[in-house]
Amino acid sequence: IEIDTGKIAYLNAGHTPMLRVNGPQISAVIPPANPFGLRPLARYGRVEFQLEQGEALFLHTDGLFDNLGPGGRKFRLRDLKGILKEAPSADQVHHRLQTVTKSLF
């Protein structure tokens, strides 16, 4: 990530998707890839893009989805996307994640 220019280069080795957030629009940035170490000659997905003014990235580990959400059900990607659409700041996203998951943080 080039902070000054907003240029992003992303290499995926089977990770959960990095999310590109532009207001209510949320898209996963995840080129196809094999998990790291799965195969000796694995291929990895790589993508480059320009982060535009007002856009944000949400990076996370797969452990986020190991948490239980409301009612004891697993926290899912669609739950995260809902939070990102509703929360106007990073602090509010953090607070909401703490509120809706039982075992996070």
PDB file of N, CA and C in Angstrom:
ATOM      1  N   ILE A   1       0.851  -1.171   0.000  1.00  0.00           N
ATOM      2  CA  ILE A   1       0.000   0.000   0.000  1.00  0.00           C
ATOM      3  C   ILE A   1       0.895   1.233   0.000  1.00  0.00           C
ATOM      4  N   GLU A   2       0.740   2.056  -1.020  1.00  0.00           N
ATOM      5  CA  GLU A   2       1.458   3.326  -1.072  1.00  0.00           C
ATOM      6  C   GLU A   2       0.531   4.397  -0.496  1.00  0.00           C
ATOM      7  N   ILE A   3       0.829   4.800   0.711  1.00  0.00           N
ATOM      8  CA  ILE A   3      -0.032   5.745   1.426  1.00  0.00           C
ATOM      9  C   ILE A   3      -0.209   7.054   0.656  1.00  0.00           C
ATOM     10  N   ASP A   4       0.865   7.567   0.073  1.00  0.00           N
ATOM     11  CA  ASP A   4       0.799   8.862  -0.608  1.00  0.00           C
ATOM     12  C   ASP A   4      -0.046   8.831  -1.875  1.00  0.00           C
ATOM     13  N   THR A   5      -0.037   7.708  -2.585  1.00  0.00           N
ATOM     14  CA  THR A   5      -0.723   7.649  -3.879  1.00  0.00           C
ATOM     15  C   THR A   5      -2.011   6.831  -3.862  1.00  0.00           C
ATOM     16  N   GLY A   6      -2.175   5.952  -2.884  1.00  0.00           N
ATOM     17  CA  GLY A   6      -3.340   5.080  -2.842  1.00  0.00           C
ATOM     18  C   GLY A   6      -3.212   3.849  -3.719  1.00  0.00           C
ATOM     19  N   LYS A   7      -2.018   3.599  -4.247  1.00  0.00           N
ATOM     20  CA  LYS A   7      -1.807   2.424  -5.097  1.00  0.00           C
ATOM     21  C   LYS A   7      -1.696   1.181  -4.206  1.00  0.00           C
ATOM     22  N   ILE A   8      -2.419   0.131  -4.599  1.00  0.00           N
ATOM     23  CA  ILE A   8      -2.455  -1.115  -3.845  1.00  0.00           C
ATOM     24  C   ILE A   8      -1.953  -2.245  -4.721  1.00  0.00           C
ATOM     25  N   ALA A   9      -1.083  -3.074  -4.185  1.00  0.00           N
ATOM     26  CA  ALA A   9      -0.678  -4.328  -4.820  1.00  0.00           C
ATOM     27  C   ALA A   9      -0.970  -5.417  -3.803  1.00  0.00           C
ATOM     28  N   TYR A  10      -1.747  -6.422  -4.215  1.00  0.00           N
ATOM     29  CA  TYR A  10      -2.223  -7.444  -3.289  1.00  0.00           C
ATOM     30  C   TYR A  10      -1.920  -8.826  -3.852  1.00  0.00           C
ATOM     31  N   LEU A  11      -1.289  -9.637  -3.041  1.00  0.00           N
ATOM     32  CA  LEU A  11      -0.993 -11.017  -3.396  1.00  0.00           C
ATOM     33  C   LEU A  11      -1.786 -11.905  -2.461  1.00  0.00           C
ATOM     34  N   ASN A  12      -2.585 -12.782  -3.026  1.00  0.00           N
ATOM     35  CA  ASN A  12      -3.438 -13.646  -2.222  1.00  0.00           C
ATOM     36  C   ASN A  12      -2.893 -15.061  -2.218  1.00  0.00           C
ATOM     37  N   ALA A  13      -2.732 -15.614  -1.018  1.00  0.00           N
ATOM     38  CA  ALA A  13      -2.296 -17.009  -0.864  1.00  0.00           C
ATOM     39  C   ALA A  13      -3.360 -17.759  -0.072  1.00  0.00           C
ATOM     40  N   GLY A  14      -4.604 -17.697  -0.565  1.00  0.00           N
ATOM     41  CA  GLY A  14      -5.700 -18.401   0.069  1.00  0.00           C
ATOM     42  C   GLY A  14      -6.305 -17.675   1.253  1.00  0.00           C
ATOM     43  N   HIS A  15      -6.077 -16.370   1.355  1.00  0.00           N
ATOM     44  CA  HIS A  15      -6.584 -15.583   2.482  1.00  0.00           C
ATOM     45  C   HIS A  15      -8.070 -15.283   2.340  1.00  0.00           C
ATOM     46  N   THR A  16      -8.667 -14.863   3.434  1.00  0.00           N
ATOM     47  CA  THR A  16     -10.023 -14.329   3.373  1.00  0.00           C
ATOM     48  C   THR A  16      -9.966 -13.011   2.605  1.00  0.00           C
ATOM     49  N   PRO A  17     -11.073 -12.575   2.037  1.00  0.00           N
ATOM     50  CA  PRO A  17     -11.015 -11.405   1.166  1.00  0.00           C
ATOM     51  C   PRO A  17     -10.755 -10.091   1.898  1.00  0.00           C
ATOM     52  N   MET A  18      -9.852  -9.310   1.329  1.00  0.00           N
ATOM     53  CA  MET A  18      -9.697  -7.916   1.739  1.00  0.00           C
ATOM     54  C   MET A  18     -10.905  -7.209   1.139  1.00  0.00           C
ATOM     55  N   LEU A  19     -11.521  -6.323   1.887  1.00  0.00           N
ATOM     56  CA  LEU A  19     -12.725  -5.653   1.401  1.00  0.00           C
ATOM     57  C   LEU A  19     -12.435  -4.209   1.039  1.00  0.00           C
ATOM     58  N   ARG A  20     -12.912  -3.808  -0.118  1.00  0.00           N
ATOM     59  CA  ARG A  20     -12.799  -2.440  -0.597  1.00  0.00           C
ATOM     60  C   ARG A  20     -14.138  -1.764  -0.318  1.00  0.00           C
ATOM     61  N   VAL A  21     -14.088  -0.695   0.476  1.00  0.00           N
ATOM     62  CA  VAL A  21     -15.307  -0.032   0.937  1.00  0.00           C
ATOM     63  C   VAL A  21     -15.387   1.358   0.325  1.00  0.00           C
ATOM     64  N   ASN A  22     -16.491   1.599  -0.384  1.00  0.00           N
ATOM     65  CA  ASN A  22     -16.730   2.910  -0.982  1.00  0.00           C
ATOM     66  C   ASN A  22     -18.171   3.288  -0.663  1.00  0.00           C
ATOM     67  N   GLY A  23     -18.359   3.875   0.534  1.00  0.00           N
ATOM     68  CA  GLY A  23     -19.708   4.183   0.990  1.00  0.00           C
ATOM     69  C   GLY A  23     -20.478   2.886   1.173  1.00  0.00           C
ATOM     70  N   PRO A  24     -21.663   2.790   0.565  1.00  0.00           N
ATOM     71  CA  PRO A  24     -22.444   1.564   0.717  1.00  0.00           C
ATOM     72  C   PRO A  24     -21.969   0.413  -0.180  1.00  0.00           C
ATOM     73  N   GLN A  25     -21.056   0.703  -1.095  1.00  0.00           N
ATOM     74  CA  GLN A  25     -20.541  -0.339  -1.985  1.00  0.00           C
ATOM     75  C   GLN A  25     -19.352  -1.035  -1.345  1.00  0.00           C
ATOM     76  N   ILE A  26     -19.460  -2.350  -1.220  1.00  0.00           N
ATOM     77  CA  ILE A  26     -18.383  -3.140  -0.635  1.00  0.00           C
ATOM     78  C   ILE A  26     -18.086  -4.289  -1.583  1.00  0.00           C
ATOM     79  N   SER A  27     -16.823  -4.411  -1.964  1.00  0.00           N
ATOM     80  CA  SER A  27     -16.451  -5.494  -2.857  1.00  0.00           C
ATOM     81  C   SER A  27     -15.228  -6.215  -2.308  1.00  0.00           C
ATOM     82  N   ALA A  28     -15.198  -7.504  -2.541  1.00  0.00           N
ATOM     83  CA  ALA A  28     -14.060  -8.314  -2.109  1.00  0.00           C
ATOM     84  C   ALA A  28     -12.947  -8.204  -3.143  1.00  0.00           C
ATOM     85  N   VAL A  29     -11.739  -7.987  -2.663  1.00  0.00           N
ATOM     86  CA  VAL A  29     -10.564  -7.946  -3.530  1.00  0.00           C
ATOM     87  C   VAL A  29      -9.811  -9.249  -3.270  1.00  0.00           C
ATOM     88  N   ILE A  30     -10.088 -10.243  -4.084  1.00  0.00           N
ATOM     89  CA  ILE A  30      -9.491 -11.545  -3.827  1.00  0.00           C
ATOM     90  C   ILE A  30      -9.279 -12.294  -5.138  1.00  0.00           C
ATOM     91  N   PRO A  31      -8.121 -12.162  -5.730  1.00  0.00           N
ATOM     92  CA  PRO A  31      -7.849 -12.956  -6.927  1.00  0.00           C
ATOM     93  C   PRO A  31      -7.734 -14.432  -6.558  1.00  0.00           C
ATOM     94  N   PRO A  32      -8.067 -15.326  -7.472  1.00  0.00           N
ATOM     95  CA  PRO A  32      -7.991 -16.759  -7.170  1.00  0.00           C
ATOM     96  C   PRO A  32      -6.585 -17.156  -6.728  1.00  0.00           C
ATOM     97  N   ALA A  33      -6.530 -18.083  -5.756  1.00  0.00           N
ATOM     98  CA  ALA A  33      -5.224 -18.508  -5.254  1.00  0.00           C
ATOM     99  C   ALA A  33      -5.334 -19.801  -4.484  1.00  0.00           C
ATOM    100  N   ASN A  34      -4.224 -20.492  -4.408  1.00  0.00           N
ATOM    101  CA  ASN A  34      -4.112 -21.680  -3.570  1.00  0.00           C
ATOM    102  C   ASN A  34      -3.619 -21.262  -2.196  1.00  0.00           C
ATOM    103  N   PRO A  35      -4.054 -21.939  -1.144  1.00  0.00           N
ATOM    104  CA  PRO A  35      -3.507 -21.635   0.181  1.00  0.00           C
ATOM    105  C   PRO A  35      -2.003 -21.863   0.226  1.00  0.00           C
ATOM    106  N   PHE A  36      -1.310 -21.005   0.923  1.00  0.00           N
ATOM    107  CA  PHE A  36       0.144 -21.075   1.025  1.00  0.00           C
ATOM    108  C   PHE A  36       0.569 -22.417   1.622  1.00  0.00           C
ATOM    109  N   GLY A  37       1.511 -23.087   0.963  1.00  0.00           N
ATOM    110  CA  GLY A  37       2.057 -24.337   1.453  1.00  0.00           C
ATOM    111  C   GLY A  37       1.252 -25.566   1.089  1.00  0.00           C
ATOM    112  N   LEU A  38       0.130 -25.395   0.403  1.00  0.00           N
ATOM    113  CA  LEU A  38      -0.712 -26.532   0.050  1.00  0.00           C
ATOM    114  C   LEU A  38      -0.065 -27.410  -1.016  1.00  0.00           C
ATOM    115  N   ARG A  39       0.543 -26.777  -1.991  1.00  0.00           N
ATOM    116  CA  ARG A  39       1.197 -27.488  -3.095  1.00  0.00           C
ATOM    117  C   ARG A  39       2.580 -26.906  -3.334  1.00  0.00           C
ATOM    118  N   PRO A  40       3.519 -27.753  -3.764  1.00  0.00           N
ATOM    119  CA  PRO A  40       4.872 -27.234  -3.999  1.00  0.00           C
ATOM    120  C   PRO A  40       4.934 -26.200  -5.125  1.00  0.00           C
ATOM    121  N   LEU A  41       4.116 -26.324  -6.142  1.00  0.00           N
ATOM    122  CA  LEU A  41       4.135 -25.386  -7.268  1.00  0.00           C
ATOM    123  C   LEU A  41       2.839 -24.577  -7.323  1.00  0.00           C
ATOM    124  N   ALA A  42       2.397 -24.115  -6.196  1.00  0.00           N
ATOM    125  CA  ALA A  42       1.128 -23.382  -6.108  1.00  0.00           C
ATOM    126  C   ALA A  42       1.197 -22.069  -6.874  1.00  0.00           C
ATOM    127  N   ARG A  43       0.047 -21.652  -7.373  1.00  0.00           N
ATOM    128  CA  ARG A  43      -0.071 -20.355  -8.046  1.00  0.00           C
ATOM    129  C   ARG A  43      -0.832 -19.418  -7.111  1.00  0.00           C
ATOM    130  N   TYR A  44      -0.432 -18.165  -7.116  1.00  0.00           N
ATOM    131  CA  TYR A  44      -1.051 -17.188  -6.235  1.00  0.00           C
ATOM    132  C   TYR A  44      -1.644 -16.057  -7.050  1.00  0.00           C
ATOM    133  N   GLY A  45      -2.758 -15.539  -6.573  1.00  0.00           N
ATOM    134  CA  GLY A  45      -3.416 -14.441  -7.266  1.00  0.00           C
ATOM    135  C   GLY A  45      -2.796 -13.109  -6.884  1.00  0.00           C
ATOM    136  N   ARG A  46      -2.651 -12.247  -7.874  1.00  0.00           N
ATOM    137  CA  ARG A  46      -2.091 -10.913  -7.636  1.00  0.00           C
ATOM    138  C   ARG A  46      -2.945  -9.896  -8.359  1.00  0.00           C
ATOM    139  N   VAL A  47      -3.214  -8.797  -7.704  1.00  0.00           N
ATOM    140  CA  VAL A  47      -3.995  -7.729  -8.308  1.00  0.00           C
ATOM    141  C   VAL A  47      -3.406  -6.389  -7.872  1.00  0.00           C
ATOM    142  N   GLU A  48      -3.482  -5.416  -8.764  1.00  0.00           N
ATOM    143  CA  GLU A  48      -3.094  -4.040  -8.443  1.00  0.00           C
ATOM    144  C   GLU A  48      -4.279  -3.147  -8.770  1.00  0.00           C
ATOM    145  N   PHE A  49      -4.496  -2.148  -7.922  1.00  0.00           N
ATOM    146  CA  PHE A  49      -5.562  -1.194  -8.185  1.00  0.00           C
ATOM    147  C   PHE A  49      -5.264   0.104  -7.466  1.00  0.00           C
ATOM    148  N   GLN A  50      -6.018   1.117  -7.830  1.00  0.00           N
ATOM    149  CA  GLN A  50      -5.869   2.443  -7.250  1.00  0.00           C
ATOM    150  C   GLN A  50      -7.013   2.683  -6.274  1.00  0.00           C
ATOM    151  N   LEU A  51      -6.693   2.950  -5.033  1.00  0.00           N
ATOM    152  CA  LEU A  51      -7.705   3.312  -4.047  1.00  0.00           C
ATOM    153  C   LEU A  51      -8.097   4.759  -4.315  1.00  0.00           C
ATOM    154  N   GLU A  52      -9.381   4.991  -4.509  1.00  0.00           N
ATOM    155  CA  GLU A  52      -9.859   6.329  -4.848  1.00  0.00           C
ATOM    156  C   GLU A  52     -10.151   7.144  -3.584  1.00  0.00           C
ATOM    157  N   GLN A  53     -10.238   8.450  -3.751  1.00  0.00           N
ATOM    158  CA  GLN A  53     -10.546   9.352  -2.647  1.00  0.00           C
ATOM    159  C   GLN A  53     -11.841   8.905  -1.970  1.00  0.00           C
ATOM    160  N   GLY A  54     -11.821   8.760  -0.655  1.00  0.00           N
ATOM    161  CA  GLY A  54     -12.994   8.374   0.099  1.00  0.00           C
ATOM    162  C   GLY A  54     -13.175   6.871   0.266  1.00  0.00           C
ATOM    163  N   GLU A  55     -12.392   6.064  -0.445  1.00  0.00           N
ATOM    164  CA  GLU A  55     -12.478   4.615  -0.295  1.00  0.00           C
ATOM    165  C   GLU A  55     -11.615   4.156   0.877  1.00  0.00           C
ATOM    166  N   ALA A  56     -11.924   2.971   1.379  1.00  0.00           N
ATOM    167  CA  ALA A  56     -11.149   2.391   2.470  1.00  0.00           C
ATOM    168  C   ALA A  56     -10.974   0.899   2.221  1.00  0.00           C
ATOM    169  N   LEU A  57     -10.009   0.319   2.913  1.00  0.00           N
ATOM    170  CA  LEU A  57      -9.799  -1.128   2.877  1.00  0.00           C
ATOM    171  C   LEU A  57     -10.065  -1.689   4.261  1.00  0.00           C
ATOM    172  N   PHE A  58     -10.651  -2.871   4.310  1.00  0.00           N
ATOM    173  CA  PHE A  58     -10.827  -3.579   5.571  1.00  0.00           C
ATOM    174  C   PHE A  58     -10.087  -4.900   5.428  1.00  0.00           C
ATOM    175  N   LEU A  59      -9.009  -5.049   6.208  1.00  0.00           N
ATOM    176  CA  LEU A  59      -8.225  -6.272   6.198  1.00  0.00           C
ATOM    177  C   LEU A  59      -8.489  -7.020   7.493  1.00  0.00           C
ATOM    178  N   HIS A  60      -8.558  -8.346   7.408  1.00  0.00           N
ATOM    179  CA  HIS A  60      -8.864  -9.153   8.578  1.00  0.00           C
ATOM    180  C   HIS A  60      -8.308 -10.554   8.386  1.00  0.00           C
ATOM    181  N   THR A  61      -8.309 -11.309   9.447  1.00  0.00           N
ATOM    182  CA  THR A  61      -7.881 -12.701   9.367  1.00  0.00           C
ATOM    183  C   THR A  61      -9.115 -13.597   9.333  1.00  0.00           C
ATOM    184  N   ASP A  62      -8.889 -14.850   8.985  1.00  0.00           N
ATOM    185  CA  ASP A  62     -10.008 -15.793   8.961  1.00  0.00           C
ATOM    186  C   ASP A  62     -10.555 -16.032  10.362  1.00  0.00           C
ATOM    187  N   GLY A  63      -9.807 -15.679  11.385  1.00  0.00           N
ATOM    188  CA  GLY A  63     -10.270 -15.833  12.755  1.00  0.00           C
ATOM    189  C   GLY A  63     -11.496 -14.994  13.063  1.00  0.00           C
ATOM    190  N   LEU A  64     -11.710 -13.927  12.317  1.00  0.00           N
ATOM    191  CA  LEU A  64     -12.896 -13.097  12.530  1.00  0.00           C
ATOM    192  C   LEU A  64     -14.162 -13.930  12.379  1.00  0.00           C
ATOM    193  N   PHE A  65     -14.152 -14.869  11.463  1.00  0.00           N
ATOM    194  CA  PHE A  65     -15.345 -15.674  11.196  1.00  0.00           C
ATOM    195  C   PHE A  65     -15.433 -16.915  12.081  1.00  0.00           C
ATOM    196  N   ASP A  66     -14.522 -17.037  13.026  1.00  0.00           N
ATOM    197  CA  ASP A  66     -14.599 -18.099  14.027  1.00  0.00           C
ATOM    198  C   ASP A  66     -15.445 -17.665  15.216  1.00  0.00           C
ATOM    199  N   ASN A  67     -15.907 -16.430  15.208  1.00  0.00           N
ATOM    200  CA  ASN A  67     -16.691 -15.868  16.302  1.00  0.00           C
ATOM    201  C   ASN A  67     -18.170 -16.143  16.123  1.00  0.00           C
ATOM    202  N   LEU A  68     -18.866 -16.103  17.240  1.00  0.00           N
ATOM    203  CA  LEU A  68     -20.310 -16.283  17.222  1.00  0.00           C
ATOM    204  C   LEU A  68     -20.999 -14.924  17.232  1.00  0.00           C
ATOM    205  N   GLY A  69     -21.999 -14.789  16.395  1.00  0.00           N
ATOM    206  CA  GLY A  69     -22.772 -13.564  16.328  1.00  0.00           C
ATOM    207  C   GLY A  69     -24.016 -13.667  17.181  1.00  0.00           C
ATOM    208  N   PRO A  70     -24.949 -12.761  16.963  1.00  0.00           N
ATOM    209  CA  PRO A  70     -26.196 -12.761  17.733  1.00  0.00           C
ATOM    210  C   PRO A  70     -26.913 -14.111  17.627  1.00  0.00           C
ATOM    211  N   GLY A  71     -27.453 -14.570  18.739  1.00  0.00           N
ATOM    212  CA  GLY A  71     -28.180 -15.827  18.750  1.00  0.00           C
ATOM    213  C   GLY A  71     -27.291 -17.058  18.698  1.00  0.00           C
ATOM    214  N   GLY A  72     -25.987 -16.876  18.803  1.00  0.00           N
ATOM    215  CA  GLY A  72     -25.068 -18.010  18.802  1.00  0.00           C
ATOM    216  C   GLY A  72     -24.697 -18.545  17.439  1.00  0.00           C
ATOM    217  N   ARG A  73     -25.124 -17.881  16.374  1.00  0.00           N
ATOM    218  CA  ARG A  73     -24.742 -18.365  15.040  1.00  0.00           C
ATOM    219  C   ARG A  73     -23.386 -17.791  14.632  1.00  0.00           C
ATOM    220  N   LYS A  74     -22.727 -18.468  13.697  1.00  0.00           N
ATOM    221  CA  LYS A  74     -21.413 -18.012  13.252  1.00  0.00           C
ATOM    222  C   LYS A  74     -21.495 -16.649  12.585  1.00  0.00           C
ATOM    223  N   PHE A  75     -20.519 -15.830  12.883  1.00  0.00           N
ATOM    224  CA  PHE A  75     -20.381 -14.529  12.241  1.00  0.00           C
ATOM    225  C   PHE A  75     -19.912 -14.772  10.814  1.00  0.00           C
ATOM    226  N   ARG A  76     -20.555 -14.117   9.831  1.00  0.00           N
ATOM    227  CA  ARG A  76     -20.260 -14.385   8.426  1.00  0.00           C
ATOM    228  C   ARG A  76     -19.870 -13.121   7.675  1.00  0.00           C
ATOM    229  N   LEU A  77     -19.379 -13.341   6.459  1.00  0.00           N
ATOM    230  CA  LEU A  77     -18.957 -12.234   5.613  1.00  0.00           C
ATOM    231  C   LEU A  77     -20.103 -11.252   5.382  1.00  0.00           C
ATOM    232  N   ARG A  78     -21.304 -11.737   5.179  1.00  0.00           N
ATOM    233  CA  ARG A  78     -22.432 -10.822   4.960  1.00  0.00           C
ATOM    234  C   ARG A  78     -22.715  -9.979   6.208  1.00  0.00           C
ATOM    235  N   ASP A  79     -22.454 -10.533   7.402  1.00  0.00           N
ATOM    236  CA  ASP A  79     -22.605  -9.755   8.645  1.00  0.00           C
ATOM    237  C   ASP A  79     -21.589  -8.618   8.669  1.00  0.00           C
ATOM    238  N   LEU A  80     -20.354  -8.940   8.307  1.00  0.00           N
ATOM    239  CA  LEU A  80     -19.297  -7.930   8.271  1.00  0.00           C
ATOM    240  C   LEU A  80     -19.634  -6.836   7.263  1.00  0.00           C
ATOM    241  N   LYS A  81     -20.091  -7.220   6.095  1.00  0.00           N
ATOM    242  CA  LYS A  81     -20.448  -6.228   5.078  1.00  0.00           C
ATOM    243  C   LYS A  81     -21.555  -5.304   5.583  1.00  0.00           C
ATOM    244  N   GLY A  82     -22.515  -5.849   6.309  1.00  0.00           N
ATOM    245  CA  GLY A  82     -23.578  -5.022   6.881  1.00  0.00           C
ATOM    246  C   GLY A  82     -23.029  -3.992   7.852  1.00  0.00           C
ATOM    247  N   ILE A  83     -22.094  -4.403   8.682  1.00  0.00           N
ATOM    248  CA  ILE A  83     -21.470  -3.474   9.637  1.00  0.00           C
ATOM    249  C   ILE A  83     -20.704  -2.385   8.893  1.00  0.00           C
ATOM    250  N   LEU A  84     -19.950  -2.774   7.875  1.00  0.00           N
ATOM    251  CA  LEU A  84     -19.161  -1.795   7.125  1.00  0.00           C
ATOM    252  C   LEU A  84     -20.053  -0.787   6.401  1.00  0.00           C
ATOM    253  N   LYS A  85     -21.221  -1.215   5.964  1.00  0.00           N
ATOM    254  CA  LYS A  85     -22.144  -0.300   5.290  1.00  0.00           C
ATOM    255  C   LYS A  85     -22.760   0.698   6.264  1.00  0.00           C
ATOM    256  N   GLU A  86     -22.998   0.260   7.496  1.00  0.00           N
ATOM    257  CA  GLU A  86     -23.710   1.084   8.467  1.00  0.00           C
ATOM    258  C   GLU A  86     -22.806   1.994   9.293  1.00  0.00           C
ATOM    259  N   ALA A  87     -21.579   1.569   9.563  1.00  0.00           N
ATOM    260  CA  ALA A  87     -20.692   2.332  10.454  1.00  0.00           C
ATOM    261  C   ALA A  87     -19.889   3.357   9.650  1.00  0.00           C
ATOM    262  N   PRO A  88     -19.977   4.629  10.009  1.00  0.00           N
ATOM    263  CA  PRO A  88     -19.297   5.673   9.232  1.00  0.00           C
ATOM    264  C   PRO A  88     -17.812   5.870   9.542  1.00  0.00           C
ATOM    265  N   SER A  89     -17.275   5.198  10.554  1.00  0.00           N
ATOM    266  CA  SER A  89     -15.856   5.392  10.880  1.00  0.00           C
ATOM    267  C   SER A  89     -15.233   4.076  11.333  1.00  0.00           C
ATOM    268  N   ALA A  90     -13.911   4.022  11.303  1.00  0.00           N
ATOM    269  CA  ALA A  90     -13.191   2.820  11.741  1.00  0.00           C
ATOM    270  C   ALA A  90     -13.468   2.527  13.216  1.00  0.00           C
ATOM    271  N   ASP A  91     -13.529   3.561  14.043  1.00  0.00           N
ATOM    272  CA  ASP A  91     -13.829   3.353  15.463  1.00  0.00           C
ATOM    273  C   ASP A  91     -15.206   2.739  15.653  1.00  0.00           C
ATOM    274  N   GLN A  92     -16.157   3.174  14.858  1.00  0.00           N
ATOM    275  CA  GLN A  92     -17.510   2.632  14.983  1.00  0.00           C
ATOM    276  C   GLN A  92     -17.590   1.203  14.457  1.00  0.00           C
ATOM    277  N   VAL A  93     -16.805   0.881  13.420  1.00  0.00           N
ATOM    278  CA  VAL A  93     -16.730  -0.505  12.940  1.00  0.00           C
ATOM    279  C   VAL A  93     -16.177  -1.382  14.061  1.00  0.00           C
ATOM    280  N   HIS A  94     -15.106  -0.948  14.685  1.00  0.00           N
ATOM    281  CA  HIS A  94     -14.492  -1.696  15.781  1.00  0.00           C
ATOM    282  C   HIS A  94     -15.490  -1.912  16.923  1.00  0.00           C
ATOM    283  N   HIS A  95     -16.165  -0.851  17.316  1.00  0.00           N
ATOM    284  CA  HIS A  95     -17.148  -0.950  18.405  1.00  0.00           C
ATOM    285  C   HIS A  95     -18.277  -1.916  18.036  1.00  0.00           C
ATOM    286  N   ARG A  96     -18.764  -1.808  16.831  1.00  0.00           N
ATOM    287  CA  ARG A  96     -19.869  -2.677  16.396  1.00  0.00           C
ATOM    288  C   ARG A  96     -19.431  -4.135  16.357  1.00  0.00           C
ATOM    289  N   LEU A  97     -18.197  -4.398  15.892  1.00  0.00           N
ATOM    290  CA  LEU A  97     -17.688  -5.775  15.877  1.00  0.00           C
ATOM    291  C   LEU A  97     -17.613  -6.333  17.296  1.00  0.00           C
ATOM    292  N   GLN A  98     -17.175  -5.530  18.231  1.00  0.00           N
ATOM    293  CA  GLN A  98     -17.110  -5.972  19.624  1.00  0.00           C
ATOM    294  C   GLN A  98     -18.505  -6.252  20.174  1.00  0.00           C
ATOM    295  N   THR A  99     -19.464  -5.474  19.754  1.00  0.00           N
ATOM    296  CA  THR A  99     -20.822  -5.601  20.252  1.00  0.00           C
ATOM    297  C   THR A  99     -21.525  -6.844  19.704  1.00  0.00           C
ATOM    298  N   VAL A 100     -21.363  -7.140  18.423  1.00  0.00           N
ATOM    299  CA  VAL A 100     -22.153  -8.203  17.795  1.00  0.00           C
ATOM    300  C   VAL A 100     -21.490  -9.580  17.830  1.00  0.00           C
ATOM    301  N   THR A 101     -20.236  -9.653  18.221  1.00  0.00           N
ATOM    302  CA  THR A 101     -19.599 -10.969  18.330  1.00  0.00           C
ATOM    303  C   THR A 101     -19.323 -11.271  19.792  1.00  0.00           C
ATOM    304  N   LYS A 102     -19.433 -12.511  20.149  1.00  0.00           N
ATOM    305  CA  LYS A 102     -19.281 -12.881  21.549  1.00  0.00           C
ATOM    306  C   LYS A 102     -17.845 -13.142  21.968  1.00  0.00           C
ATOM    307  N   SER A 103     -17.010 -13.584  21.041  1.00  0.00           N
ATOM    308  CA  SER A 103     -15.657 -13.994  21.456  1.00  0.00           C
ATOM    309  C   SER A 103     -14.560 -13.182  20.782  1.00  0.00           C
ATOM    310  N   LEU A 104     -14.921 -12.086  20.153  1.00  0.00           N
ATOM    311  CA  LEU A 104     -13.931 -11.267  19.450  1.00  0.00           C
ATOM    312  C   LEU A 104     -13.217 -10.354  20.427  1.00  0.00           C
ATOM    313  N   PHE A 105     -11.914 -10.209  20.259  1.00  0.00           N
ATOM    314  CA  PHE A 105     -11.064  -9.332  21.066  1.00  0.00           C
ATOM    315  C   PHE A 105     -11.051  -9.819  22.493  1.00  0.00           C
TER     316      PHE A 105
END
